[in-house]
Amino acid sequence: MDHLSGPDAAFLYLETPETPMHVGSLHIYELPAGYTGNFVDDVRAHIARRLHLAPVFRRKLLAMPFDLANPVWVQDDDPDLEYHVRSDVLPKPGSREQLDRLVGKLHSKLIDRSRPLWELFVIDGLKSGQVALYIKAHHAGLDGQAGVAVAKALFDLE
């Protein structure tokens, strides 16, 4: 068990539905020519192989009895990737404005604190034929250094 620091716990205590305390990033990709797989399943498999590279993927909060101390991080050895990696499809025509609106809607929803504090959405239906990944993680578990670990885990040059 690893207690949250005061500043990290503050992100939890200050959060309200009107002021979510998570950070997010949007990435847009070209799929390889001739790709015929299921991209959502491929993303889940990729993350499953790389969960060990970023602690944020495999830890969740445990509240202390009577809230006498800040919550602690505990290991989640089997995060539900069906929950954490989801998909959405933009309606036609699949414009950038529609993508931005969807990401705004996704970002406005709080992250379930009973699970590891991250979510990834694969967004298809862009008129360009590209696919978007929107990733959000709670700031209580993701500082700059942890963000670099997530980037290294998700984005591989191979």
C-alpha atoms as a PDB file:
ATOM      1  CA  MET A   1       0.000   0.000   0.000  1.00  0.00           C
ATOM      2  CA  ASP A   2       1.205   3.435  -0.934  1.00  0.00           C
ATOM      3  CA  HIS A   3      -0.485   6.506   0.625  1.00  0.00           C
ATOM      4  CA  LEU A   4      -1.334   9.355  -1.678  1.00  0.00           C
ATOM      5  CA  SER A   5       0.652  12.496  -1.042  1.00  0.00           C
ATOM      6  CA  GLY A   6      -1.202  15.565   0.183  1.00  0.00           C
ATOM      7  CA  PRO A   7      -1.196  17.274  -3.222  1.00  0.00           C
ATOM      8  CA  ASP A   8      -2.344  14.081  -5.004  1.00  0.00           C
ATOM      9  CA  ALA A   9      -5.121  13.534  -2.464  1.00  0.00           C
ATOM     10  CA  ALA A  10      -6.163  17.174  -2.901  1.00  0.00           C
ATOM     11  CA  PHE A  11      -7.047  16.385  -6.523  1.00  0.00           C
ATOM     12  CA  LEU A  12      -9.518  13.815  -5.184  1.00  0.00           C
ATOM     13  CA  TYR A  13     -10.958  16.062  -2.468  1.00  0.00           C
ATOM     14  CA  LEU A  14     -11.381  19.059  -4.772  1.00  0.00           C
ATOM     15  CA  GLU A  15     -13.096  17.108  -7.547  1.00  0.00           C
ATOM     16  CA  THR A  16     -16.769  17.724  -8.239  1.00  0.00           C
ATOM     17  CA  PRO A  17     -18.935  16.791 -11.228  1.00  0.00           C
ATOM     18  CA  GLU A  18     -18.472  20.375 -12.443  1.00  0.00           C
ATOM     19  CA  THR A  19     -14.680  20.297 -12.002  1.00  0.00           C
ATOM     20  CA  PRO A  20     -13.257  16.904 -12.904  1.00  0.00           C
ATOM     21  CA  MET A  21      -9.637  16.504 -11.862  1.00  0.00           C
ATOM     22  CA  HIS A  22      -8.400  14.319 -14.671  1.00  0.00           C
ATOM     23  CA  VAL A  23      -6.194  15.112 -17.606  1.00  0.00           C
ATOM     24  CA  GLY A  24      -6.685  13.904 -21.145  1.00  0.00           C
ATOM     25  CA  SER A  25      -5.058  13.750 -24.517  1.00  0.00           C
ATOM     26  CA  LEU A  26      -6.341  13.188 -28.028  1.00  0.00           C
ATOM     27  CA  HIS A  27      -4.305  11.397 -30.688  1.00  0.00           C
ATOM     28  CA  ILE A  28      -5.282  10.885 -34.326  1.00  0.00           C
ATOM     29  CA  TYR A  29      -3.730   8.075 -36.361  1.00  0.00           C
ATOM     30  CA  GLU A  30      -3.640   6.661 -39.851  1.00  0.00           C
ATOM     31  CA  LEU A  31      -4.247   2.917 -39.846  1.00  0.00           C
ATOM     32  CA  PRO A  32      -1.767   0.870 -41.877  1.00  0.00           C
ATOM     33  CA  ALA A  33      -2.716   0.354 -45.510  1.00  0.00           C
ATOM     34  CA  GLY A  34      -4.812  -2.786 -45.882  1.00  0.00           C
ATOM     35  CA  TYR A  35      -5.515  -3.092 -42.138  1.00  0.00           C
ATOM     36  CA  THR A  36      -8.456  -5.456 -41.626  1.00  0.00           C
ATOM     37  CA  GLY A  37      -8.320  -6.254 -37.921  1.00  0.00           C
ATOM     38  CA  ASN A  38     -10.482  -5.053 -35.064  1.00  0.00           C
ATOM     39  CA  PHE A  39      -8.624  -1.978 -33.859  1.00  0.00           C
ATOM     40  CA  VAL A  40     -10.325  -1.858 -30.438  1.00  0.00           C
ATOM     41  CA  ASP A  41      -9.369  -5.478 -29.756  1.00  0.00           C
ATOM     42  CA  ASP A  42      -5.843  -4.778 -30.978  1.00  0.00           C
ATOM     43  CA  VAL A  43      -5.546  -1.766 -28.653  1.00  0.00           C
ATOM     44  CA  ARG A  44      -6.766  -3.866 -25.714  1.00  0.00           C
ATOM     45  CA  ALA A  45      -4.241  -6.599 -26.521  1.00  0.00           C
ATOM     46  CA  HIS A  46      -1.458  -4.035 -26.864  1.00  0.00           C
ATOM     47  CA  ILE A  47      -2.269  -2.502 -23.475  1.00  0.00           C
ATOM     48  CA  ALA A  48      -2.613  -5.935 -21.843  1.00  0.00           C
ATOM     49  CA  ARG A  49       0.957  -6.718 -22.900  1.00  0.00           C
ATOM     50  CA  ARG A  50       2.205  -3.399 -21.544  1.00  0.00           C
ATOM     51  CA  LEU A  51       0.265  -2.928 -18.287  1.00  0.00           C
ATOM     52  CA  HIS A  52       3.438  -3.441 -16.291  1.00  0.00           C
ATOM     53  CA  LEU A  53       5.115  -0.404 -17.879  1.00  0.00           C
ATOM     54  CA  ALA A  54       2.948   2.278 -16.211  1.00  0.00           C
ATOM     55  CA  PRO A  55       1.722   1.929 -12.609  1.00  0.00           C
ATOM     56  CA  VAL A  56      -1.389   4.027 -13.307  1.00  0.00           C
ATOM     57  CA  PHE A  57      -2.797   1.121 -15.363  1.00  0.00           C
ATOM     58  CA  ARG A  58      -2.782  -1.342 -12.466  1.00  0.00           C
ATOM     59  CA  ARG A  59      -3.491   0.525  -9.273  1.00  0.00           C
ATOM     60  CA  LYS A  60      -6.677   1.757  -7.724  1.00  0.00           C
ATOM     61  CA  LEU A  61      -7.715   3.655  -4.647  1.00  0.00           C
ATOM     62  CA  LEU A  62      -8.570   2.216  -1.264  1.00  0.00           C
ATOM     63  CA  ALA A  63     -10.128   4.601   1.253  1.00  0.00           C
ATOM     64  CA  MET A  64      -8.900   4.507   4.812  1.00  0.00           C
ATOM     65  CA  PRO A  65     -11.437   3.675   7.537  1.00  0.00           C
ATOM     66  CA  PHE A  66     -13.396   6.739   8.631  1.00  0.00           C
ATOM     67  CA  ASP A  67     -11.223   8.797   6.229  1.00  0.00           C
ATOM     68  CA  LEU A  68      -8.605   9.122   8.977  1.00  0.00           C
ATOM     69  CA  ALA A  69      -5.834   9.318   6.372  1.00  0.00           C
ATOM     70  CA  ASN A  70      -5.472   9.887   2.675  1.00  0.00           C
ATOM     71  CA  PRO A  71      -6.469   6.953   0.482  1.00  0.00           C
ATOM     72  CA  VAL A  72      -3.837   4.441  -0.546  1.00  0.00           C
ATOM     73  CA  TRP A  73      -2.964   2.898  -3.882  1.00  0.00           C
ATOM     74  CA  VAL A  74      -3.466  -0.859  -4.068  1.00  0.00           C
ATOM     75  CA  GLN A  75      -2.522  -3.174  -6.893  1.00  0.00           C
ATOM     76  CA  ASP A  76      -5.264  -4.310  -9.285  1.00  0.00           C
ATOM     77  CA  ASP A  77      -3.808  -7.427 -10.871  1.00  0.00           C
ATOM     78  CA  ASP A  78      -6.652  -7.852 -13.347  1.00  0.00           C
ATOM     79  CA  PRO A  79      -7.955  -4.508 -14.632  1.00  0.00           C
ATOM     80  CA  ASP A  80     -11.043  -4.898 -16.798  1.00  0.00           C
ATOM     81  CA  LEU A  81      -9.797  -3.841 -20.222  1.00  0.00           C
ATOM     82  CA  GLU A  82     -13.299  -4.184 -21.677  1.00  0.00           C
ATOM     83  CA  TYR A  83     -14.240  -1.320 -19.343  1.00  0.00           C
ATOM     84  CA  HIS A  84     -11.058   0.736 -19.625  1.00  0.00           C
ATOM     85  CA  VAL A  85     -10.718   0.566 -23.421  1.00  0.00           C
ATOM     86  CA  ARG A  86     -14.009   1.466 -25.095  1.00  0.00           C
ATOM     87  CA  SER A  87     -15.055   2.496 -28.546  1.00  0.00           C
ATOM     88  CA  ASP A  88     -17.290   5.097 -30.076  1.00  0.00           C
ATOM     89  CA  VAL A  89     -18.204   5.936 -33.661  1.00  0.00           C
ATOM     90  CA  LEU A  90     -18.865   9.439 -34.894  1.00  0.00           C
ATOM     91  CA  PRO A  91     -22.032   9.976 -36.915  1.00  0.00           C
ATOM     92  CA  LYS A  92     -21.563  10.996 -40.529  1.00  0.00           C
ATOM     93  CA  PRO A  93     -19.892  13.088 -41.764  1.00  0.00           C
ATOM     94  CA  GLY A  94     -17.291  12.482 -39.005  1.00  0.00           C
ATOM     95  CA  SER A  95     -15.962  16.032 -38.840  1.00  0.00           C
ATOM     96  CA  ARG A  96     -13.310  17.423 -36.509  1.00  0.00           C
ATOM     97  CA  GLU A  97     -16.039  19.486 -34.852  1.00  0.00           C
ATOM     98  CA  GLN A  98     -17.977  16.287 -34.068  1.00  0.00           C
ATOM     99  CA  LEU A  99     -14.816  14.683 -32.707  1.00  0.00           C
ATOM    100  CA  ASP A 100     -14.106  17.693 -30.482  1.00  0.00           C
ATOM    101  CA  ARG A 101     -17.693  17.672 -29.203  1.00  0.00           C
ATOM    102  CA  LEU A 102     -17.509  13.957 -28.380  1.00  0.00           C
ATOM    103  CA  VAL A 103     -14.165  14.339 -26.601  1.00  0.00           C
ATOM    104  CA  GLY A 104     -15.604  17.236 -24.575  1.00  0.00           C
ATOM    105  CA  LYS A 105     -18.517  15.039 -23.535  1.00  0.00           C
ATOM    106  CA  LEU A 106     -16.210  12.136 -22.628  1.00  0.00           C
ATOM    107  CA  HIS A 107     -13.895  14.448 -20.690  1.00  0.00           C
ATOM    108  CA  SER A 108     -16.755  15.928 -18.657  1.00  0.00           C
ATOM    109  CA  LYS A 109     -17.580  12.593 -17.001  1.00  0.00           C
ATOM    110  CA  LEU A 110     -15.845  11.630 -13.770  1.00  0.00           C
ATOM    111  CA  ILE A 111     -13.672   8.523 -13.670  1.00  0.00           C
ATOM    112  CA  ASP A 112     -14.994   5.620 -11.584  1.00  0.00           C
ATOM    113  CA  ARG A 113     -12.890   5.635  -8.395  1.00  0.00           C
ATOM    114  CA  SER A 114     -13.497   1.944  -7.713  1.00  0.00           C
ATOM    115  CA  ARG A 115     -11.297   1.053 -10.703  1.00  0.00           C
ATOM    116  CA  PRO A 116      -7.847   2.108 -11.873  1.00  0.00           C
ATOM    117  CA  LEU A 117      -8.188   5.810 -12.667  1.00  0.00           C
ATOM    118  CA  TRP A 118      -7.869   5.823 -16.446  1.00  0.00           C
ATOM    119  CA  GLU A 119     -10.020   5.342 -19.542  1.00  0.00           C
ATOM    120  CA  LEU A 120      -9.172   5.119 -23.235  1.00  0.00           C
ATOM    121  CA  PHE A 121     -11.634   5.611 -26.070  1.00  0.00           C
ATOM    122  CA  VAL A 122     -11.048   4.450 -29.638  1.00  0.00           C
ATOM    123  CA  ILE A 123     -13.068   6.766 -31.855  1.00  0.00           C
ATOM    124  CA  ASP A 124     -13.859   5.717 -35.390  1.00  0.00           C
ATOM    125  CA  GLY A 125     -15.950   7.291 -38.128  1.00  0.00           C
ATOM    126  CA  LEU A 126     -13.709  10.232 -38.997  1.00  0.00           C
ATOM    127  CA  LYS A 127     -14.351  11.290 -42.589  1.00  0.00           C
ATOM    128  CA  SER A 128     -10.570  11.254 -43.143  1.00  0.00           C
ATOM    129  CA  GLY A 129     -10.538   7.503 -42.484  1.00  0.00           C
ATOM    130  CA  GLN A 130      -8.255   8.054 -39.508  1.00  0.00           C
ATOM    131  CA  VAL A 131      -8.912   6.742 -36.015  1.00  0.00           C
ATOM    132  CA  ALA A 132      -8.672   8.781 -32.812  1.00  0.00           C
ATOM    133  CA  LEU A 133      -7.587   7.719 -29.342  1.00  0.00           C
ATOM    134  CA  TYR A 134      -8.746   9.815 -26.422  1.00  0.00           C
ATOM    135  CA  ILE A 135      -7.069   8.952 -23.122  1.00  0.00           C
ATOM    136  CA  LYS A 136      -7.929  10.349 -19.717  1.00  0.00           C
ATOM    137  CA  ALA A 137      -6.393   9.671 -16.329  1.00  0.00           C
ATOM    138  CA  HIS A 138      -7.007  11.183 -12.920  1.00  0.00           C
ATOM    139  CA  HIS A 139      -4.450  13.760 -11.910  1.00  0.00           C
ATOM    140  CA  ALA A 140      -4.149  12.090  -8.478  1.00  0.00           C
ATOM    141  CA  GLY A 141      -2.313   9.253 -10.203  1.00  0.00           C
ATOM    142  CA  LEU A 142      -0.711  10.975 -13.144  1.00  0.00           C
ATOM    143  CA  ASP A 143       1.931  13.632 -12.787  1.00  0.00           C
ATOM    144  CA  GLY A 144       4.464  14.520 -15.471  1.00  0.00           C
ATOM    145  CA  GLN A 145       6.720  11.539 -14.810  1.00  0.00           C
ATOM    146  CA  ALA A 146       3.781   9.115 -14.746  1.00  0.00           C
ATOM    147  CA  GLY A 147       2.518  10.679 -17.978  1.00  0.00           C
ATOM    148  CA  VAL A 148       5.830   9.883 -19.650  1.00  0.00           C
ATOM    149  CA  ALA A 149       5.517   6.253 -18.449  1.00  0.00           C
ATOM    150  CA  VAL A 150       2.015   6.043 -19.944  1.00  0.00           C
ATOM    151  CA  ALA A 151       3.225   7.504 -23.247  1.00  0.00           C
ATOM    152  CA  LYS A 152       6.075   4.987 -23.388  1.00  0.00           C
ATOM    153  CA  ALA A 153       3.669   2.145 -22.597  1.00  0.00           C
ATOM    154  CA  LEU A 154       1.081   3.136 -25.199  1.00  0.00           C
ATOM    155  CA  PHE A 155       3.108   4.521 -28.045  1.00  0.00           C
ATOM    156  CA  ASP A 156       5.752   2.284 -29.457  1.00  0.00           C
ATOM    157  CA  LEU A 157       7.689   2.930 -32.642  1.00  0.00           C
ATOM    158  CA  GLU A 158       7.385  -0.732 -33.562  1.00  0.00           C
END
